[in-house]
Amino acid sequence: MLRESSTSFYRSVDLPEQALEQQITAAFDDDVLSVAVPLKPGTRPQPVPITNGHSTS
């Protein structure tokens, strides 16, 4: 037997400063919420090198 839940769920997420707030989209499909937050051009994350933790000196 399938029952509908009357429980509500609330979640908030801080957006990065470079988010284009007017272009954010959200879709609810097959019980999955997808949110796309486009960023201003030129504000892509930069790669950070990862070392093995051993000192080379």
N, C-alpha and C. Protein backbone atom coordinates (compact mmCIF):
# COMPACT_ATOMS: atom_id res chain seq x y z
N MET A 1 0.85 -1.18 0.00
CA MET A 1 0.00 0.00 0.00
C MET A 1 0.89 1.25 0.00
N LEU A 2 0.61 2.17 -0.88
CA LEU A 2 1.38 3.40 -0.98
C LEU A 2 0.73 4.48 -0.15
N ARG A 3 1.51 5.14 0.65
CA ARG A 3 1.00 6.24 1.48
C ARG A 3 1.74 7.52 1.13
N GLU A 4 1.00 8.60 1.09
CA GLU A 4 1.64 9.90 0.88
C GLU A 4 2.06 10.46 2.23
N SER A 5 3.22 11.05 2.24
CA SER A 5 3.73 11.64 3.48
C SER A 5 3.28 13.09 3.57
N SER A 6 2.94 13.50 4.75
CA SER A 6 2.59 14.90 4.96
C SER A 6 3.74 15.63 5.65
N THR A 7 4.89 14.98 5.72
CA THR A 7 6.05 15.58 6.34
C THR A 7 6.69 16.57 5.38
N SER A 8 7.04 17.73 5.90
CA SER A 8 7.72 18.70 5.05
C SER A 8 9.22 18.64 5.34
N PHE A 9 10.00 19.09 4.37
CA PHE A 9 11.44 19.08 4.47
C PHE A 9 11.94 20.44 4.05
N TYR A 10 12.88 20.99 4.80
CA TYR A 10 13.42 22.31 4.49
C TYR A 10 14.93 22.22 4.48
N ARG A 11 15.55 22.79 3.46
CA ARG A 11 17.00 22.81 3.37
C ARG A 11 17.42 24.12 2.74
N SER A 12 18.39 24.79 3.32
CA SER A 12 18.90 26.03 2.72
C SER A 12 20.38 25.84 2.41
N VAL A 13 20.81 26.49 1.34
CA VAL A 13 22.20 26.39 0.90
C VAL A 13 22.68 27.80 0.58
N ASP A 14 23.84 28.14 1.11
CA ASP A 14 24.44 29.44 0.77
C ASP A 14 25.01 29.36 -0.64
N LEU A 15 24.69 30.37 -1.44
CA LEU A 15 25.19 30.41 -2.81
C LEU A 15 26.52 31.14 -2.85
N PRO A 16 27.40 30.76 -3.77
CA PRO A 16 28.67 31.49 -3.91
C PRO A 16 28.41 32.89 -4.45
N GLU A 17 29.32 33.81 -4.16
CA GLU A 17 29.16 35.20 -4.63
C GLU A 17 29.06 35.29 -6.14
N GLN A 18 29.71 34.37 -6.85
CA GLN A 18 29.72 34.43 -8.31
C GLN A 18 28.50 33.77 -8.97
N ALA A 19 27.51 33.38 -8.18
CA ALA A 19 26.29 32.76 -8.72
C ALA A 19 25.45 33.81 -9.46
N LEU A 20 24.90 33.40 -10.58
CA LEU A 20 23.97 34.25 -11.33
C LEU A 20 22.55 33.92 -10.84
N GLU A 21 22.12 34.61 -9.80
CA GLU A 21 20.87 34.26 -9.11
C GLU A 21 19.65 34.26 -10.02
N GLN A 22 19.60 35.16 -11.00
CA GLN A 22 18.43 35.24 -11.87
C GLN A 22 18.37 34.07 -12.85
N GLN A 23 19.45 33.30 -12.98
CA GLN A 23 19.48 32.20 -13.93
C GLN A 23 19.42 30.82 -13.26
N ILE A 24 19.21 30.79 -11.96
CA ILE A 24 19.12 29.51 -11.25
C ILE A 24 17.83 28.81 -11.67
N THR A 25 17.94 27.50 -11.93
CA THR A 25 16.77 26.72 -12.30
C THR A 25 16.66 25.51 -11.38
N ALA A 26 15.44 25.03 -11.20
CA ALA A 26 15.19 23.85 -10.39
C ALA A 26 14.12 23.01 -11.06
N ALA A 27 14.26 21.68 -10.95
CA ALA A 27 13.29 20.76 -11.53
C ALA A 27 13.10 19.58 -10.58
N PHE A 28 11.87 19.12 -10.46
CA PHE A 28 11.54 17.98 -9.63
C PHE A 28 11.01 16.89 -10.54
N ASP A 29 11.78 15.80 -10.68
CA ASP A 29 11.43 14.74 -11.62
C ASP A 29 11.74 13.38 -10.99
N ASP A 30 10.77 12.49 -10.98
CA ASP A 30 10.94 11.15 -10.40
C ASP A 30 11.46 11.22 -8.97
N ASP A 31 10.87 12.10 -8.17
CA ASP A 31 11.23 12.28 -6.76
C ASP A 31 12.65 12.78 -6.54
N VAL A 32 13.26 13.39 -7.56
CA VAL A 32 14.61 13.93 -7.44
C VAL A 32 14.56 15.42 -7.76
N LEU A 33 15.07 16.24 -6.84
CA LEU A 33 15.16 17.68 -7.07
C LEU A 33 16.54 17.99 -7.63
N SER A 34 16.58 18.62 -8.80
CA SER A 34 17.84 19.05 -9.42
C SER A 34 17.86 20.56 -9.46
N VAL A 35 18.96 21.14 -9.01
CA VAL A 35 19.11 22.60 -9.00
C VAL A 35 20.39 22.94 -9.76
N ALA A 36 20.30 23.84 -10.72
CA ALA A 36 21.46 24.29 -11.48
C ALA A 36 21.76 25.73 -11.10
N VAL A 37 22.99 25.99 -10.69
CA VAL A 37 23.41 27.33 -10.29
C VAL A 37 24.55 27.76 -11.21
N PRO A 38 24.22 28.52 -12.27
CA PRO A 38 25.29 28.98 -13.17
C PRO A 38 26.15 30.04 -12.48
N LEU A 39 27.43 30.06 -12.87
CA LEU A 39 28.37 31.01 -12.29
C LEU A 39 28.76 32.05 -13.33
N LYS A 40 29.18 33.23 -12.86
CA LYS A 40 29.65 34.28 -13.75
C LYS A 40 30.85 33.76 -14.53
N PRO A 41 30.99 34.16 -15.80
CA PRO A 41 32.13 33.71 -16.61
C PRO A 41 33.46 34.08 -15.96
N GLY A 42 34.42 33.20 -16.12
CA GLY A 42 35.76 33.47 -15.59
C GLY A 42 35.91 33.18 -14.11
N THR A 43 34.93 32.58 -13.48
CA THR A 43 35.02 32.33 -12.04
C THR A 43 35.01 30.83 -11.75
N ARG A 44 35.63 30.06 -12.62
CA ARG A 44 35.70 28.62 -12.42
C ARG A 44 36.73 28.31 -11.34
N PRO A 45 36.50 27.26 -10.59
CA PRO A 45 37.47 26.87 -9.56
C PRO A 45 38.82 26.54 -10.19
N GLN A 46 39.87 26.86 -9.48
CA GLN A 46 41.22 26.57 -9.94
C GLN A 46 41.70 25.26 -9.31
N PRO A 47 42.40 24.42 -10.07
CA PRO A 47 42.90 23.16 -9.50
C PRO A 47 43.96 23.45 -8.44
N VAL A 48 44.00 22.62 -7.41
CA VAL A 48 44.99 22.73 -6.35
C VAL A 48 45.79 21.44 -6.34
N PRO A 49 47.12 21.54 -6.45
CA PRO A 49 47.92 20.32 -6.44
C PRO A 49 47.84 19.63 -5.08
N ILE A 50 47.80 18.30 -5.11
CA ILE A 50 47.73 17.52 -3.89
C ILE A 50 49.04 16.74 -3.76
N THR A 51 49.69 16.87 -2.62
CA THR A 51 50.93 16.14 -2.39
C THR A 51 50.65 14.92 -1.53
N ASN A 52 51.65 14.06 -1.41
CA ASN A 52 51.46 12.83 -0.63
C ASN A 52 51.69 13.05 0.86
N GLY A 53 52.02 14.29 1.26
CA GLY A 53 52.19 14.58 2.68
C GLY A 53 53.59 14.38 3.21
N HIS A 54 54.51 13.87 2.38
CA HIS A 54 55.90 13.67 2.80
C HIS A 54 56.73 14.90 2.46
N SER A 55 57.56 15.29 3.36
CA SER A 55 58.42 16.46 3.14
C SER A 55 59.51 16.11 2.13
N THR A 56 59.80 17.05 1.23
CA THR A 56 60.84 16.82 0.23
C THR A 56 62.12 17.52 0.62
N SER A 57 62.20 18.18 1.77
CA SER A 57 63.42 18.89 2.16
C SER A 57 64.29 18.06 3.07
